Amino acid sequence: MAQSCPAVDVSDQDRLWSFCPSKTGAAIMAVVFALVTVAHFFQMFFHRKPYCLVVVIAAALQTVSYIFRYISIDHPTDLGPYAVQFVGVLIAPIFTNAFVYMVFGRMVWNFTNNAKIGGIKPWRFGLIFVLLDILSFFVQIIGGIKTANPRNDYNAVMTGIHIYMGGIGIQQFFILVFFFFAFNFHRTMNREGGNPRMAYMLLYALYFALLMITVRVIFRLAEFGGGTKGPTMTHEIYQYLLDTLPMFLANIVFNFVHPGSIMAGRDGNFPSRKERKNGVLTKTKRNMELSSTEFVQYATAPYPPTHYAPVHQ
């Protein structure tokens, strides 16, 4: 006798789930992403890197999504929890993607002599790609919200799916453009030399995270491309293997190769607006400014009291 499933054992009119979701799977992933979130939160404060809040949000969104997935399984006709878990899983990777762009900009500042990539200053580069990521975010969230209610008219759901597919298509296009700059930066690091081994480890972590996001994008394109009744829409295992797992790996890699430990301290941060206004546009220039300031402070300081040991003759 087949085992009943509360999530699908409801009338067609009230049904939200197209398959029998696993409560155990949702609970496990909620705990796993919660641990990743806590680790990132601790590392953000330990290394004093506020920009790492973005990856904290990415992991936290995944955590919230699986918590509401668990709740939705127990309340299969309640649209609220279902919509939260559905939209949350769709948009969380955008924050991981944005974090990669932010880290890369800081790598250009720290590990190139002229602090430029493709003629673009690193803080502008990061800003440009984050803004493009935000554009993708809004397109995806509009499509995700329209798709989140399976009870909607079929044409409305399909419109939402097409909008969302356009959003992740835009996201992937920007990722491919980004790879061009990343490979150029990689060549620059090799040519200039003198960079620490961990700088390369961080760059490989960025490559890995974007590869995982790409796997997830391809899966979502295939999933939504098959409509609402395709095999990837009606079998949960595909989401766990091709979305959940890649995004877990894309987030946890930065727990092990954390940018705050590699680009540590104030020296690893972008120059402030005041510094940039004063012409501090490279890390070498900043170090020269700091050295000259320290010299002036030393040269103009009063002589410290000197204590001589008595001389015995």
Protein backbone atom coordinates (compact mmCIF):
# COMPACT_ATOMS: atom_id res chain seq x y z
CA MET A 1 0.00 0.00 0.00
CA ALA A 2 1.44 3.38 -1.02
CA GLN A 3 2.31 5.72 1.83
CA SER A 4 0.19 8.88 1.98
CA CYS A 5 1.75 12.30 1.58
CA PRO A 6 -0.01 15.27 3.25
CA ALA A 7 1.54 17.74 0.82
CA VAL A 8 -0.19 16.19 -2.20
CA ASP A 9 -3.15 14.44 -0.57
CA VAL A 10 -5.33 17.50 -1.00
CA SER A 11 -7.79 18.56 -3.64
CA ASP A 12 -6.45 19.75 -6.99
CA GLN A 13 -7.90 23.17 -6.24
CA ASP A 14 -5.89 23.52 -3.01
CA ARG A 15 -2.71 21.74 -4.09
CA LEU A 16 0.55 23.70 -4.17
CA TRP A 17 3.15 20.91 -4.34
CA SER A 18 3.54 18.89 -7.55
CA PHE A 19 5.51 16.16 -5.72
CA CYS A 20 5.83 14.77 -2.20
CA PRO A 21 8.55 16.91 -0.54
CA SER A 22 10.85 15.49 2.12
CA LYS A 23 10.54 16.98 5.60
CA THR A 24 13.83 15.33 6.56
CA GLY A 25 15.62 16.88 3.60
CA ALA A 26 14.21 20.33 4.40
CA ALA A 27 15.19 20.02 8.08
CA ILE A 28 18.72 18.87 7.28
CA MET A 29 19.34 21.69 4.80
CA ALA A 30 17.87 24.29 7.17
CA VAL A 31 20.36 23.19 9.84
CA VAL A 32 23.27 22.99 7.38
CA PHE A 33 22.69 26.46 5.94
CA ALA A 34 22.11 27.84 9.45
CA LEU A 35 25.58 26.62 10.44
CA VAL A 36 27.10 28.18 7.32
CA THR A 37 25.28 31.44 8.12
CA VAL A 38 26.55 31.52 11.71
CA ALA A 39 30.10 30.77 10.53
CA HIS A 40 29.99 33.62 7.99
CA PHE A 41 28.52 35.98 10.58
CA PHE A 42 31.33 35.17 13.03
CA GLN A 43 34.01 35.52 10.34
CA MET A 44 32.59 38.88 9.24
CA PHE A 45 33.05 40.28 12.76
CA PHE A 46 36.32 38.49 13.44
CA HIS A 47 37.97 39.88 10.29
CA ARG A 48 36.08 43.22 10.51
CA LYS A 49 34.86 43.09 6.93
CA PRO A 50 31.35 44.60 6.68
CA TYR A 51 31.02 43.75 2.98
CA CYS A 52 30.87 40.08 3.99
CA LEU A 53 27.32 40.76 5.20
CA VAL A 54 26.28 39.98 1.62
CA VAL A 55 27.34 36.33 1.89
CA VAL A 56 25.72 36.16 5.34
CA ILE A 57 22.45 37.24 3.70
CA ALA A 58 22.92 34.64 0.94
CA ALA A 59 23.27 31.79 3.43
CA ALA A 60 20.53 33.20 5.69
CA LEU A 61 18.06 33.30 2.78
CA GLN A 62 18.78 29.64 2.07
CA THR A 63 18.21 28.86 5.75
CA VAL A 64 14.89 30.71 5.85
CA SER A 65 13.81 29.06 2.62
CA TYR A 66 14.27 25.55 3.98
CA ILE A 67 12.65 26.44 7.30
CA PHE A 68 9.56 27.60 5.41
CA ARG A 69 9.77 24.55 3.18
CA TYR A 70 9.51 22.41 6.30
CA ILE A 71 6.56 24.48 7.53
CA SER A 72 4.85 24.32 4.14
CA ILE A 73 4.99 20.53 4.10
CA ASP A 74 2.94 20.51 7.32
CA HIS A 75 0.58 23.19 5.95
CA PRO A 76 0.29 22.17 2.30
CA THR A 77 -2.65 24.43 1.45
CA ASP A 78 -1.17 27.61 2.98
CA LEU A 79 0.26 29.78 0.22
CA GLY A 80 2.42 31.97 2.52
CA PRO A 81 5.09 29.44 3.61
CA TYR A 82 5.13 27.86 0.15
CA ALA A 83 5.71 31.21 -1.56
CA VAL A 84 8.49 32.20 0.88
CA GLN A 85 10.42 28.97 0.37
CA PHE A 86 9.89 29.06 -3.38
CA VAL A 87 11.02 32.67 -3.92
CA GLY A 88 13.80 32.46 -1.30
CA VAL A 89 15.55 29.57 -3.02
CA LEU A 90 15.27 31.38 -6.35
CA ILE A 91 16.85 34.68 -5.25
CA ALA A 92 19.43 33.58 -2.63
CA PRO A 93 22.12 32.74 -5.23
CA ILE A 94 22.05 36.33 -6.50
CA PHE A 95 23.61 37.46 -3.21
CA THR A 96 26.34 34.82 -3.48
CA ASN A 97 26.98 36.08 -7.00
CA ALA A 98 27.18 39.69 -5.80
CA PHE A 99 29.63 38.69 -3.08
CA VAL A 100 31.95 37.17 -5.71
CA TYR A 101 31.96 40.48 -7.60
CA MET A 102 32.69 42.44 -4.40
CA VAL A 103 35.56 40.16 -3.43
CA PHE A 104 37.04 40.30 -6.92
CA GLY A 105 37.14 44.11 -6.90
CA ARG A 106 39.09 44.01 -3.65
CA MET A 107 41.46 41.42 -5.11
CA VAL A 108 42.24 43.78 -7.99
CA TRP A 109 43.07 46.49 -5.43
CA ASN A 110 45.27 44.19 -3.36
CA PHE A 111 47.05 42.07 -5.95
CA THR A 112 47.77 44.27 -8.98
CA ASN A 113 50.34 47.05 -9.24
CA ASN A 114 48.13 49.66 -10.94
CA ALA A 115 44.86 48.61 -9.23
CA LYS A 116 42.95 48.40 -12.51
CA ILE A 117 41.29 45.70 -14.55
CA GLY A 118 40.37 46.43 -18.14
CA GLY A 119 41.08 50.09 -17.42
CA ILE A 120 38.43 50.14 -14.67
CA LYS A 121 39.20 50.99 -11.06
CA PRO A 122 38.36 48.11 -8.70
CA TRP A 123 35.68 49.92 -6.68
CA ARG A 124 33.93 50.95 -9.90
CA PHE A 125 34.25 47.46 -11.32
CA GLY A 126 32.60 45.92 -8.26
CA LEU A 127 29.86 48.56 -8.29
CA ILE A 128 29.10 48.01 -11.98
CA PHE A 129 28.75 44.25 -11.64
CA VAL A 130 26.76 44.48 -8.41
CA LEU A 131 24.33 46.90 -10.12
CA LEU A 132 24.00 44.46 -13.02
CA ASP A 133 23.36 41.71 -10.48
CA ILE A 134 20.65 43.85 -8.87
CA LEU A 135 19.03 44.26 -12.30
CA SER A 136 19.00 40.48 -12.64
CA PHE A 137 17.63 40.25 -9.08
CA PHE A 138 14.59 42.41 -9.82
CA VAL A 139 13.78 40.53 -13.01
CA GLN A 140 14.07 37.20 -11.19
CA ILE A 141 11.99 38.27 -8.21
CA ILE A 142 9.20 39.56 -10.47
CA GLY A 143 9.17 36.24 -12.30
CA GLY A 144 9.50 34.26 -9.06
CA ILE A 145 6.54 36.00 -7.42
CA LYS A 146 4.35 35.39 -10.46
CA THR A 147 5.38 31.72 -10.48
CA ALA A 148 5.13 31.16 -6.72
CA ASN A 149 1.38 30.51 -6.75
CA PRO A 150 0.61 27.35 -8.73
CA ARG A 151 -3.09 28.10 -8.32
CA ASN A 152 -2.79 31.02 -10.69
CA ASP A 153 -3.97 30.78 -14.25
CA TYR A 154 -1.64 28.59 -16.34
CA ASN A 155 -0.78 31.48 -18.68
CA ALA A 156 0.09 33.72 -15.71
CA VAL A 157 2.37 31.04 -14.25
CA MET A 158 4.08 30.53 -17.60
CA THR A 159 4.57 34.29 -17.96
CA GLY A 160 6.27 34.29 -14.57
CA ILE A 161 8.45 31.36 -15.60
CA HIS A 162 9.54 33.13 -18.78
CA ILE A 163 10.35 36.33 -16.87
CA TYR A 164 12.39 34.36 -14.34
CA MET A 165 14.23 32.50 -17.10
CA GLY A 166 15.08 35.86 -18.65
CA GLY A 167 16.43 37.02 -15.29
CA ILE A 168 18.74 34.05 -14.79
CA GLY A 169 19.77 34.28 -18.44
CA ILE A 170 20.86 37.88 -17.78
CA GLN A 171 22.67 36.74 -14.63
CA GLN A 172 24.57 34.05 -16.53
CA PHE A 173 25.51 36.46 -19.32
CA PHE A 174 27.08 38.80 -16.76
CA ILE A 175 28.92 35.83 -15.22
CA LEU A 176 30.43 34.99 -18.62
CA VAL A 177 31.50 38.62 -19.08
CA PHE A 178 32.97 38.56 -15.58
CA PHE A 179 35.02 35.45 -16.42
CA PHE A 180 36.71 37.43 -19.19
CA PHE A 181 37.90 40.01 -16.64
CA ALA A 182 38.80 37.31 -14.11
CA PHE A 183 41.03 35.49 -16.60
CA ASN A 184 42.66 38.80 -17.54
CA PHE A 185 43.30 39.47 -13.85
CA HIS A 186 44.74 35.96 -13.46
CA ARG A 187 47.22 36.62 -16.26
CA THR A 188 48.15 39.96 -14.68
CA MET A 189 48.86 38.25 -11.35
CA ASN A 190 51.09 35.71 -13.10
CA ARG A 191 52.93 38.40 -15.06
CA GLU A 192 53.56 40.74 -12.13
CA GLY A 193 54.40 37.96 -9.68
CA GLY A 194 55.04 38.35 -5.98
CA ASN A 195 51.49 37.52 -4.89
CA PRO A 196 50.90 35.08 -2.01
CA ARG A 197 49.70 31.56 -2.68
CA MET A 198 46.47 32.25 -0.80
CA ALA A 199 45.61 35.02 -3.28
CA TYR A 200 45.45 32.33 -5.96
CA MET A 201 43.42 30.11 -3.64
CA LEU A 202 40.87 32.90 -3.25
CA LEU A 203 40.70 33.39 -7.00
CA TYR A 204 40.11 29.66 -7.48
CA ALA A 205 37.36 29.89 -4.84
CA LEU A 206 35.70 32.62 -6.93
CA TYR A 207 35.94 30.44 -10.03
CA PHE A 208 34.45 27.53 -8.11
CA ALA A 209 31.56 29.57 -6.70
CA LEU A 210 30.66 30.92 -10.14
CA LEU A 211 30.89 27.42 -11.62
CA MET A 212 28.42 26.19 -8.99
CA ILE A 213 26.09 29.10 -9.74
CA THR A 214 26.35 28.26 -13.45
CA VAL A 215 25.38 24.62 -12.76
CA ARG A 216 22.38 25.92 -10.85
CA VAL A 217 21.42 28.37 -13.64
CA ILE A 218 21.57 25.62 -16.28
CA PHE A 219 19.40 23.41 -14.07
CA ARG A 220 16.80 26.15 -13.56
CA LEU A 221 16.70 26.91 -17.29
CA ALA A 222 16.14 23.21 -18.01
CA GLU A 223 13.58 22.94 -15.21
CA PHE A 224 11.44 25.89 -16.23
CA GLY A 225 12.02 25.23 -19.91
CA GLY A 226 10.06 21.98 -19.46
CA GLY A 227 7.00 23.85 -18.21
CA THR A 228 5.10 23.08 -15.02
CA LYS A 229 4.87 19.32 -15.61
CA GLY A 230 8.45 18.46 -16.61
CA PRO A 231 10.39 15.76 -14.74
CA THR A 232 12.60 18.29 -12.93
CA MET A 233 9.47 20.06 -11.68
CA THR A 234 7.90 16.88 -10.33
CA HIS A 235 10.93 15.16 -8.78
CA GLU A 236 12.53 16.79 -5.74
CA ILE A 237 15.87 15.00 -6.07
CA TYR A 238 16.86 17.20 -9.02
CA GLN A 239 16.56 20.37 -6.94
CA TYR A 240 18.69 18.97 -4.12
CA LEU A 241 21.40 17.72 -6.46
CA LEU A 242 21.51 20.58 -8.96
CA ASP A 243 20.46 23.60 -6.91
CA THR A 244 20.78 22.98 -3.17
CA LEU A 245 24.13 21.16 -3.29
CA PRO A 246 25.86 23.61 -5.69
CA MET A 247 24.69 26.60 -3.65
CA PHE A 248 25.81 24.98 -0.41
CA LEU A 249 29.27 24.45 -1.91
CA ALA A 250 29.35 27.99 -3.36
CA ASN A 251 28.68 29.43 0.11
CA ILE A 252 30.81 27.15 2.26
CA VAL A 253 33.93 27.53 0.09
CA PHE A 254 34.27 31.06 1.50
CA ASN A 255 34.24 29.70 5.04
CA PHE A 256 37.43 27.82 4.22
CA VAL A 257 39.01 30.43 1.94
CA HIS A 258 37.77 33.61 3.56
CA PRO A 259 38.63 36.92 1.86
CA GLY A 260 38.94 38.63 5.24
CA SER A 261 41.85 36.41 6.24
CA ILE A 262 43.66 36.91 2.92
CA MET A 263 42.97 40.63 2.44
CA ALA A 264 43.27 41.38 6.14
CA GLY A 265 43.12 44.60 8.10
CA ARG A 266 42.65 48.17 6.93
CA ASP A 267 45.34 47.70 4.32
CA GLY A 268 43.15 45.17 2.51
CA ASN A 269 40.20 47.58 2.20
CA PHE A 270 39.44 49.96 -0.63
CA PRO A 271 40.75 53.51 -0.10
CA SER A 272 38.18 55.83 1.44
CA ARG A 273 36.50 58.52 -0.62
CA LYS A 274 38.84 61.07 1.01
CA GLU A 275 41.90 59.01 0.10
CA ARG A 276 40.75 58.71 -3.49
CA LYS A 277 40.13 62.46 -3.64
CA ASN A 278 43.72 62.93 -2.47
CA GLY A 279 45.04 60.72 -5.25
CA VAL A 280 45.46 57.42 -3.39
CA LEU A 281 44.50 55.19 -6.32
CA THR A 282 46.86 52.26 -5.79
CA LYS A 283 47.91 50.27 -2.77
CA THR A 284 51.54 51.28 -3.38
CA LYS A 285 50.53 54.94 -3.29
CA ARG A 286 48.64 54.39 -0.01
CA ASN A 287 51.67 52.71 1.55
CA MET A 288 53.87 55.62 0.44
CA GLU A 289 51.40 58.10 1.96
CA LEU A 290 51.34 56.15 5.21
CA SER A 291 55.13 55.92 5.30
CA SER A 292 55.56 59.66 4.73
CA THR A 293 52.98 60.46 7.41
CA GLU A 294 54.72 58.21 9.89
CA PHE A 295 58.08 59.84 9.02
CA VAL A 296 56.68 63.34 9.57
CA GLN A 297 55.18 62.31 12.89
CA TYR A 298 58.52 60.82 13.94
CA ALA A 299 60.57 63.79 12.73
CA THR A 300 58.39 66.40 14.48
CA ALA A 301 57.90 64.49 17.72
CA PRO A 302 59.70 65.82 20.86
CA TYR A 303 62.68 63.81 21.90
CA PRO A 304 61.68 61.13 24.36
CA PRO A 305 63.35 61.19 27.78
CA THR A 306 66.55 59.24 27.70
CA HIS A 307 67.72 57.26 30.67
CA TYR A 308 71.38 56.50 30.98
CA ALA A 309 72.80 53.88 33.22
CA PRO A 310 75.36 55.28 35.65
CA VAL A 311 78.91 54.91 34.54
CA HIS A 312 81.21 53.44 37.16
CA GLN A 313 84.84 54.36 36.82
